[in-house]
Amino acid sequence: FGRRGGTENVPYIVGMGRAAELLLEEVRVDEEEAEEDLGEGGENDDHEEERGKDPLVVESWKHHAVHMENMRNRLLTKLQEGFDEFQSRQNNYASKAEIAVLVRPNGPSDPKLRLPNTLSVGLKGVQSGALLAKIGNIVACSAGSACHSTDSTSCAEGHVAPTYSNILKCMNVEPEYAIGTLRLSVGPFTTKEDVDMAADVIVKEALRQLEG
């Protein structure tokens, strides 16, 4: 077909393997306690649906998933709270009906249907590319919209009009949120302090854009 196969992303493949190793290492540390809960080498009815899977791995994964979901939700809440001050100032000359929500998560309305470790969030009135150019060395995140320009610097500085991905279009994300979309991830070892610091950095730069 005139196309060649892509190059494998070796660092990511190695990273995935190492992540699996870490999960198993953690399972081994808690193995004795878990085996006591399950009984002497036997399975109980509570694990019937997980037959064929290592129950220790399953329980460890569930534990991490709950933690990451809590951190993801905290990150969204902190971003929303951070924009309250700006919206309060807007209320000085506009009715509440005229004040649009500035922070809106993308994806299913039910948070339980989203990945526990990933937050895709739209910041209305913000250009995510320009925001990343300012905070990229402090907070590791990605822009949900792409500038489709070979000159990323000029785009980040606002010299090229940004567009956004077809994925966000298919998700029916409104353009003003899609252009300001950020993708952020948390992990099993992400702390509340990590989340709060990241939210503070993002909010300060986003408000600088909005007020500029």
C-alpha atoms as a PDB file:
ATOM      1  CA  PHE A   1       0.000   0.000   0.000  1.00  0.00           C
ATOM      2  CA  GLY A   2       3.003   2.297  -0.223  1.00  0.00           C
ATOM      3  CA  ARG A   3       3.334   2.533   3.559  1.00  0.00           C
ATOM      4  CA  ARG A   4       5.879   1.126   5.966  1.00  0.00           C
ATOM      5  CA  GLY A   5       5.411  -0.097   9.489  1.00  0.00           C
ATOM      6  CA  GLY A   6       6.026   2.404  12.271  1.00  0.00           C
ATOM      7  CA  THR A   7       8.979   2.203  14.617  1.00  0.00           C
ATOM      8  CA  GLU A   8       8.175   0.531  17.926  1.00  0.00           C
ATOM      9  CA  ASN A   9       8.228   2.859  20.912  1.00  0.00           C
ATOM     10  CA  VAL A  10      10.903   0.944  22.796  1.00  0.00           C
ATOM     11  CA  PRO A  11      11.086   3.229  25.870  1.00  0.00           C
ATOM     12  CA  TYR A  12       7.326   2.948  26.407  1.00  0.00           C
ATOM     13  CA  ILE A  13       7.431  -0.829  25.923  1.00  0.00           C
ATOM     14  CA  VAL A  14      10.175  -1.101  28.526  1.00  0.00           C
ATOM     15  CA  GLY A  15       8.226   1.205  30.810  1.00  0.00           C
ATOM     16  CA  MET A  16       5.135  -0.979  30.553  1.00  0.00           C
ATOM     17  CA  GLY A  17       7.186  -4.037  31.426  1.00  0.00           C
ATOM     18  CA  ARG A  18       8.719  -2.294  34.419  1.00  0.00           C
ATOM     19  CA  ALA A  19       5.271  -1.152  35.595  1.00  0.00           C
ATOM     20  CA  ALA A  20       4.121  -4.797  35.520  1.00  0.00           C
ATOM     21  CA  GLU A  21       7.199  -5.823  37.508  1.00  0.00           C
ATOM     22  CA  LEU A  22       6.507  -3.188  40.151  1.00  0.00           C
ATOM     23  CA  LEU A  23       2.927  -4.375  40.480  1.00  0.00           C
ATOM     24  CA  LEU A  24       4.061  -7.959  41.030  1.00  0.00           C
ATOM     25  CA  GLU A  25       6.751  -6.873  43.492  1.00  0.00           C
ATOM     26  CA  GLU A  26       4.144  -5.049  45.556  1.00  0.00           C
ATOM     27  CA  VAL A  27       1.890  -8.102  45.448  1.00  0.00           C
ATOM     28  CA  ARG A  28       4.668 -10.307  46.806  1.00  0.00           C
ATOM     29  CA  VAL A  29       5.209  -7.944  49.736  1.00  0.00           C
ATOM     30  CA  ASP A  30       1.561  -8.299  50.785  1.00  0.00           C
ATOM     31  CA  GLU A  31       1.255 -11.941  49.778  1.00  0.00           C
ATOM     32  CA  GLU A  32       1.094 -13.462  53.249  1.00  0.00           C
ATOM     33  CA  GLU A  33      -1.678 -11.137  54.432  1.00  0.00           C
ATOM     34  CA  ALA A  34      -3.677 -11.646  51.263  1.00  0.00           C
ATOM     35  CA  GLU A  35      -3.384 -15.434  51.484  1.00  0.00           C
ATOM     36  CA  GLU A  36      -4.717 -15.329  55.030  1.00  0.00           C
ATOM     37  CA  ASP A  37      -7.748 -13.391  53.804  1.00  0.00           C
ATOM     38  CA  LEU A  38      -8.359 -15.888  51.000  1.00  0.00           C
ATOM     39  CA  GLY A  39      -7.825 -18.957  53.179  1.00  0.00           C
ATOM     40  CA  GLU A  40      -5.246 -21.694  53.043  1.00  0.00           C
ATOM     41  CA  GLY A  41      -4.557 -21.749  49.352  1.00  0.00           C
ATOM     42  CA  GLY A  42      -8.216 -22.000  48.384  1.00  0.00           C
ATOM     43  CA  GLU A  43     -10.649 -19.743  46.566  1.00  0.00           C
ATOM     44  CA  ASN A  44     -13.837 -18.431  48.079  1.00  0.00           C
ATOM     45  CA  ASP A  45     -17.095 -17.499  46.406  1.00  0.00           C
ATOM     46  CA  ASP A  46     -16.207 -13.801  46.361  1.00  0.00           C
ATOM     47  CA  HIS A  47     -13.491 -14.500  43.796  1.00  0.00           C
ATOM     48  CA  GLU A  48     -15.518 -16.822  41.580  1.00  0.00           C
ATOM     49  CA  GLU A  49     -15.819 -14.288  38.777  1.00  0.00           C
ATOM     50  CA  GLU A  50     -12.061 -13.690  38.899  1.00  0.00           C
ATOM     51  CA  ARG A  51     -11.196 -17.366  38.478  1.00  0.00           C
ATOM     52  CA  GLY A  52      -8.221 -17.732  36.190  1.00  0.00           C
ATOM     53  CA  LYS A  53      -6.737 -14.437  37.406  1.00  0.00           C
ATOM     54  CA  ASP A  54      -4.259 -14.023  40.228  1.00  0.00           C
ATOM     55  CA  PRO A  55      -6.466 -12.601  43.026  1.00  0.00           C
ATOM     56  CA  LEU A  56      -3.466 -10.866  44.574  1.00  0.00           C
ATOM     57  CA  VAL A  57      -2.783  -8.946  41.372  1.00  0.00           C
ATOM     58  CA  VAL A  58      -6.472  -8.102  40.992  1.00  0.00           C
ATOM     59  CA  GLU A  59      -6.735  -6.719  44.520  1.00  0.00           C
ATOM     60  CA  SER A  60      -3.558  -4.676  44.103  1.00  0.00           C
ATOM     61  CA  TRP A  61      -4.835  -3.227  40.828  1.00  0.00           C
ATOM     62  CA  LYS A  62      -8.163  -2.325  42.424  1.00  0.00           C
ATOM     63  CA  HIS A  63      -6.364  -0.589  45.291  1.00  0.00           C
ATOM     64  CA  HIS A  64      -4.329   1.517  42.852  1.00  0.00           C
ATOM     65  CA  ALA A  65      -7.403   2.297  40.750  1.00  0.00           C
ATOM     66  CA  VAL A  66      -9.279   3.687  43.746  1.00  0.00           C
ATOM     67  CA  HIS A  67      -6.321   5.864  44.739  1.00  0.00           C
ATOM     68  CA  MET A  68      -5.834   7.200  41.203  1.00  0.00           C
ATOM     69  CA  GLU A  69      -9.534   7.945  40.823  1.00  0.00           C
ATOM     70  CA  ASN A  70      -9.459   9.913  44.072  1.00  0.00           C
ATOM     71  CA  MET A  71      -6.432  11.888  42.891  1.00  0.00           C
ATOM     72  CA  ARG A  72      -8.031  12.523  39.488  1.00  0.00           C
ATOM     73  CA  ASN A  73     -11.207  13.806  41.133  1.00  0.00           C
ATOM     74  CA  ARG A  74      -9.203  15.974  43.510  1.00  0.00           C
ATOM     75  CA  LEU A  75      -7.304  17.479  40.573  1.00  0.00           C
ATOM     76  CA  LEU A  76     -10.542  18.398  38.808  1.00  0.00           C
ATOM     77  CA  THR A  77     -11.990  19.878  41.997  1.00  0.00           C
ATOM     78  CA  LYS A  78      -8.867  21.950  42.627  1.00  0.00           C
ATOM     79  CA  LEU A  79      -8.954  23.310  39.076  1.00  0.00           C
ATOM     80  CA  GLN A  80     -12.614  24.233  39.440  1.00  0.00           C
ATOM     81  CA  GLU A  81     -12.018  25.873  42.798  1.00  0.00           C
ATOM     82  CA  GLY A  82      -9.070  27.793  41.385  1.00  0.00           C
ATOM     83  CA  PHE A  83     -11.293  29.495  38.837  1.00  0.00           C
ATOM     84  CA  ASP A  84     -13.832  30.582  41.457  1.00  0.00           C
ATOM     85  CA  GLU A  85     -11.980  33.835  42.156  1.00  0.00           C
ATOM     86  CA  PHE A  86     -12.001  34.803  38.488  1.00  0.00           C
ATOM     87  CA  GLN A  87     -15.679  33.982  38.135  1.00  0.00           C
ATOM     88  CA  SER A  88     -16.454  35.952  41.293  1.00  0.00           C
ATOM     89  CA  ARG A  89     -14.872  39.037  39.734  1.00  0.00           C
ATOM     90  CA  GLN A  90     -16.929  38.446  36.599  1.00  0.00           C
ATOM     91  CA  ASN A  91     -20.061  38.442  38.725  1.00  0.00           C
ATOM     92  CA  ASN A  92     -19.419  42.092  39.492  1.00  0.00           C
ATOM     93  CA  TYR A  93     -20.698  43.037  36.054  1.00  0.00           C
ATOM     94  CA  ALA A  94     -22.634  40.002  34.828  1.00  0.00           C
ATOM     95  CA  SER A  95     -25.526  37.921  36.060  1.00  0.00           C
ATOM     96  CA  LYS A  96     -24.996  34.317  37.083  1.00  0.00           C
ATOM     97  CA  ALA A  97     -26.887  33.210  33.982  1.00  0.00           C
ATOM     98  CA  GLU A  98     -24.246  34.940  31.863  1.00  0.00           C
ATOM     99  CA  ILE A  99     -21.293  33.342  33.628  1.00  0.00           C
ATOM    100  CA  ALA A 100     -20.222  30.227  31.754  1.00  0.00           C
ATOM    101  CA  VAL A 101     -18.511  27.315  33.446  1.00  0.00           C
ATOM    102  CA  LEU A 102     -14.817  27.766  32.765  1.00  0.00           C
ATOM    103  CA  VAL A 103     -13.643  24.265  33.703  1.00  0.00           C
ATOM    104  CA  ARG A 104     -15.381  21.278  32.165  1.00  0.00           C
ATOM    105  CA  PRO A 105     -14.223  17.630  32.078  1.00  0.00           C
ATOM    106  CA  ASN A 106     -14.410  15.876  28.719  1.00  0.00           C
ATOM    107  CA  GLY A 107     -15.786  12.384  28.316  1.00  0.00           C
ATOM    108  CA  PRO A 108     -18.704  10.503  29.883  1.00  0.00           C
ATOM    109  CA  SER A 109     -20.842  12.463  32.323  1.00  0.00           C
ATOM    110  CA  ASP A 110     -20.504   9.579  34.787  1.00  0.00           C
ATOM    111  CA  PRO A 111     -16.962   9.779  36.254  1.00  0.00           C
ATOM    112  CA  LYS A 112     -17.030   6.015  36.862  1.00  0.00           C
ATOM    113  CA  LEU A 113     -16.973   5.490  33.091  1.00  0.00           C
ATOM    114  CA  ARG A 114     -13.712   7.414  32.682  1.00  0.00           C
ATOM    115  CA  LEU A 115     -10.219   6.024  33.122  1.00  0.00           C
ATOM    116  CA  PRO A 116      -9.330   6.318  36.809  1.00  0.00           C
ATOM    117  CA  ASN A 117      -5.903   7.801  36.124  1.00  0.00           C
ATOM    118  CA  THR A 118      -6.658  10.294  33.354  1.00  0.00           C
ATOM    119  CA  LEU A 119      -8.297  13.716  33.341  1.00  0.00           C
ATOM    120  CA  SER A 120      -9.184  15.404  30.074  1.00  0.00           C
ATOM    121  CA  VAL A 121     -10.397  18.859  30.981  1.00  0.00           C
ATOM    122  CA  GLY A 122     -11.365  21.894  28.906  1.00  0.00           C
ATOM    123  CA  LEU A 123     -10.476  25.391  30.113  1.00  0.00           C
ATOM    124  CA  LYS A 124     -12.751  27.865  28.367  1.00  0.00           C
ATOM    125  CA  GLY A 125     -10.991  30.868  26.886  1.00  0.00           C
ATOM    126  CA  VAL A 126      -7.532  29.335  27.330  1.00  0.00           C
ATOM    127  CA  GLN A 127      -5.135  28.163  24.616  1.00  0.00           C
ATOM    128  CA  SER A 128      -3.605  24.961  25.913  1.00  0.00           C
ATOM    129  CA  GLY A 129      -0.588  25.178  23.594  1.00  0.00           C
ATOM    130  CA  ALA A 130       0.372  28.595  24.943  1.00  0.00           C
ATOM    131  CA  LEU A 131      -0.252  27.391  28.494  1.00  0.00           C
ATOM    132  CA  LEU A 132       2.045  24.390  28.046  1.00  0.00           C
ATOM    133  CA  ALA A 133       4.775  26.630  26.681  1.00  0.00           C
ATOM    134  CA  LYS A 134       4.774  28.414  30.051  1.00  0.00           C
ATOM    135  CA  ILE A 135       4.353  25.518  32.486  1.00  0.00           C
ATOM    136  CA  GLY A 136       5.725  22.513  30.568  1.00  0.00           C
ATOM    137  CA  ASN A 137       8.908  22.406  32.650  1.00  0.00           C
ATOM    138  CA  ILE A 138       6.902  22.356  35.894  1.00  0.00           C
ATOM    139  CA  VAL A 139       3.824  20.232  35.216  1.00  0.00           C
ATOM    140  CA  ALA A 140       3.923  17.236  32.883  1.00  0.00           C
ATOM    141  CA  CYS A 141       0.750  17.345  30.811  1.00  0.00           C
ATOM    142  CA  SER A 142      -0.375  17.358  27.181  1.00  0.00           C
ATOM    143  CA  ALA A 143      -2.545  19.649  25.131  1.00  0.00           C
ATOM    144  CA  GLY A 144      -5.802  18.187  23.918  1.00  0.00           C
ATOM    145  CA  SER A 145      -5.666  20.407  20.855  1.00  0.00           C
ATOM    146  CA  ALA A 146      -2.921  20.553  18.264  1.00  0.00           C
ATOM    147  CA  CYS A 147      -1.748  23.622  16.354  1.00  0.00           C
ATOM    148  CA  HIS A 148      -0.923  21.670  13.173  1.00  0.00           C
ATOM    149  CA  SER A 149       1.995  23.959  12.518  1.00  0.00           C
ATOM    150  CA  THR A 150       5.662  23.191  11.961  1.00  0.00           C
ATOM    151  CA  ASP A 151       6.451  26.266  14.033  1.00  0.00           C
ATOM    152  CA  SER A 152       5.275  25.311  17.479  1.00  0.00           C
ATOM    153  CA  THR A 153       6.826  28.425  19.019  1.00  0.00           C
ATOM    154  CA  SER A 154       4.859  30.848  16.871  1.00  0.00           C
ATOM    155  CA  CYS A 155       1.713  28.860  17.535  1.00  0.00           C
ATOM    156  CA  ALA A 156       2.254  28.878  21.290  1.00  0.00           C
ATOM    157  CA  GLU A 157       2.804  32.629  21.141  1.00  0.00           C
ATOM    158  CA  GLY A 158      -0.498  33.074  19.387  1.00  0.00           C
ATOM    159  CA  HIS A 159       0.806  33.848  15.879  1.00  0.00           C
ATOM    160  CA  VAL A 160      -0.965  30.812  14.392  1.00  0.00           C
ATOM    161  CA  ALA A 161      -4.631  30.126  15.042  1.00  0.00           C
ATOM    162  CA  PRO A 162      -4.943  26.858  16.992  1.00  0.00           C
ATOM    163  CA  THR A 163      -7.232  24.041  15.959  1.00  0.00           C
ATOM    164  CA  TYR A 164      -8.197  20.908  17.846  1.00  0.00           C
ATOM    165  CA  SER A 165      -8.200  17.185  17.288  1.00  0.00           C
ATOM    166  CA  ASN A 166     -10.824  15.155  15.445  1.00  0.00           C
ATOM    167  CA  ILE A 167     -11.176  13.023  18.575  1.00  0.00           C
ATOM    168  CA  LEU A 168     -12.493  15.990  20.537  1.00  0.00           C
ATOM    169  CA  LYS A 169     -14.764  16.863  17.632  1.00  0.00           C
ATOM    170  CA  CYS A 170     -16.204  13.333  17.638  1.00  0.00           C
ATOM    171  CA  MET A 171     -16.731  13.683  21.389  1.00  0.00           C
ATOM    172  CA  ASN A 172     -18.793  16.817  20.657  1.00  0.00           C
ATOM    173  CA  VAL A 173     -16.539  18.972  22.800  1.00  0.00           C
ATOM    174  CA  GLU A 174     -17.372  22.612  22.133  1.00  0.00           C
ATOM    175  CA  PRO A 175     -14.540  24.470  20.332  1.00  0.00           C
ATOM    176  CA  GLU A 176     -13.945  26.968  23.146  1.00  0.00           C
ATOM    177  CA  TYR A 177     -13.282  24.048  25.512  1.00  0.00           C
ATOM    178  CA  ALA A 178     -11.456  21.848  23.000  1.00  0.00           C
ATOM    179  CA  ILE A 179      -8.854  24.515  22.237  1.00  0.00           C
ATOM    180  CA  GLY A 180      -8.182  24.799  25.955  1.00  0.00           C
ATOM    181  CA  THR A 181      -8.161  21.067  26.684  1.00  0.00           C
ATOM    182  CA  LEU A 182      -5.414  19.553  28.813  1.00  0.00           C
ATOM    183  CA  ARG A 183      -4.746  15.845  29.365  1.00  0.00           C
ATOM    184  CA  LEU A 184      -3.348  15.065  32.792  1.00  0.00           C
ATOM    185  CA  SER A 185      -2.497  11.726  34.349  1.00  0.00           C
ATOM    186  CA  VAL A 186      -1.986  10.571  37.915  1.00  0.00           C
ATOM    187  CA  GLY A 187      -0.349   7.390  39.154  1.00  0.00           C
ATOM    188  CA  PRO A 188      -0.360   4.959  42.073  1.00  0.00           C
ATOM    189  CA  PHE A 189       2.203   7.078  43.901  1.00  0.00           C
ATOM    190  CA  THR A 190       0.747  10.518  43.139  1.00  0.00           C
ATOM    191  CA  THR A 191       0.157  12.444  46.363  1.00  0.00           C
ATOM    192  CA  LYS A 192      -2.344  15.122  47.344  1.00  0.00           C
ATOM    193  CA  GLU A 193       0.549  17.565  47.454  1.00  0.00           C
ATOM    194  CA  ASP A 194       1.468  16.707  43.854  1.00  0.00           C
ATOM    195  CA  VAL A 195      -2.092  17.297  42.715  1.00  0.00           C
ATOM    196  CA  ASP A 196      -2.502  20.572  44.590  1.00  0.00           C
ATOM    197  CA  MET A 197       0.785  21.950  43.266  1.00  0.00           C
ATOM    198  CA  ALA A 198      -0.067  21.044  39.668  1.00  0.00           C
ATOM    199  CA  ALA A 199      -3.532  22.583  39.925  1.00  0.00           C
ATOM    200  CA  ASP A 200      -2.096  25.791  41.385  1.00  0.00           C
ATOM    201  CA  VAL A 201       0.441  26.148  38.563  1.00  0.00           C
ATOM    202  CA  ILE A 202      -2.178  25.501  35.871  1.00  0.00           C
ATOM    203  CA  VAL A 203      -4.732  27.884  37.371  1.00  0.00           C
ATOM    204  CA  LYS A 204      -2.264  30.750  37.773  1.00  0.00           C
ATOM    205  CA  GLU A 205      -1.126  30.578  34.135  1.00  0.00           C
ATOM    206  CA  ALA A 206      -4.664  30.039  32.815  1.00  0.00           C
ATOM    207  CA  LEU A 207      -5.965  33.077  34.724  1.00  0.00           C
ATOM    208  CA  ARG A 208      -3.045  35.115  33.441  1.00  0.00           C
ATOM    209  CA  GLN A 209      -4.262  34.320  29.912  1.00  0.00           C
ATOM    210  CA  LEU A 210      -7.876  35.112  30.722  1.00  0.00           C
ATOM    211  CA  GLU A 211      -7.052  38.394  32.402  1.00  0.00           C
ATOM    212  CA  GLY A 212      -4.541  39.407  29.759  1.00  0.00           C
END
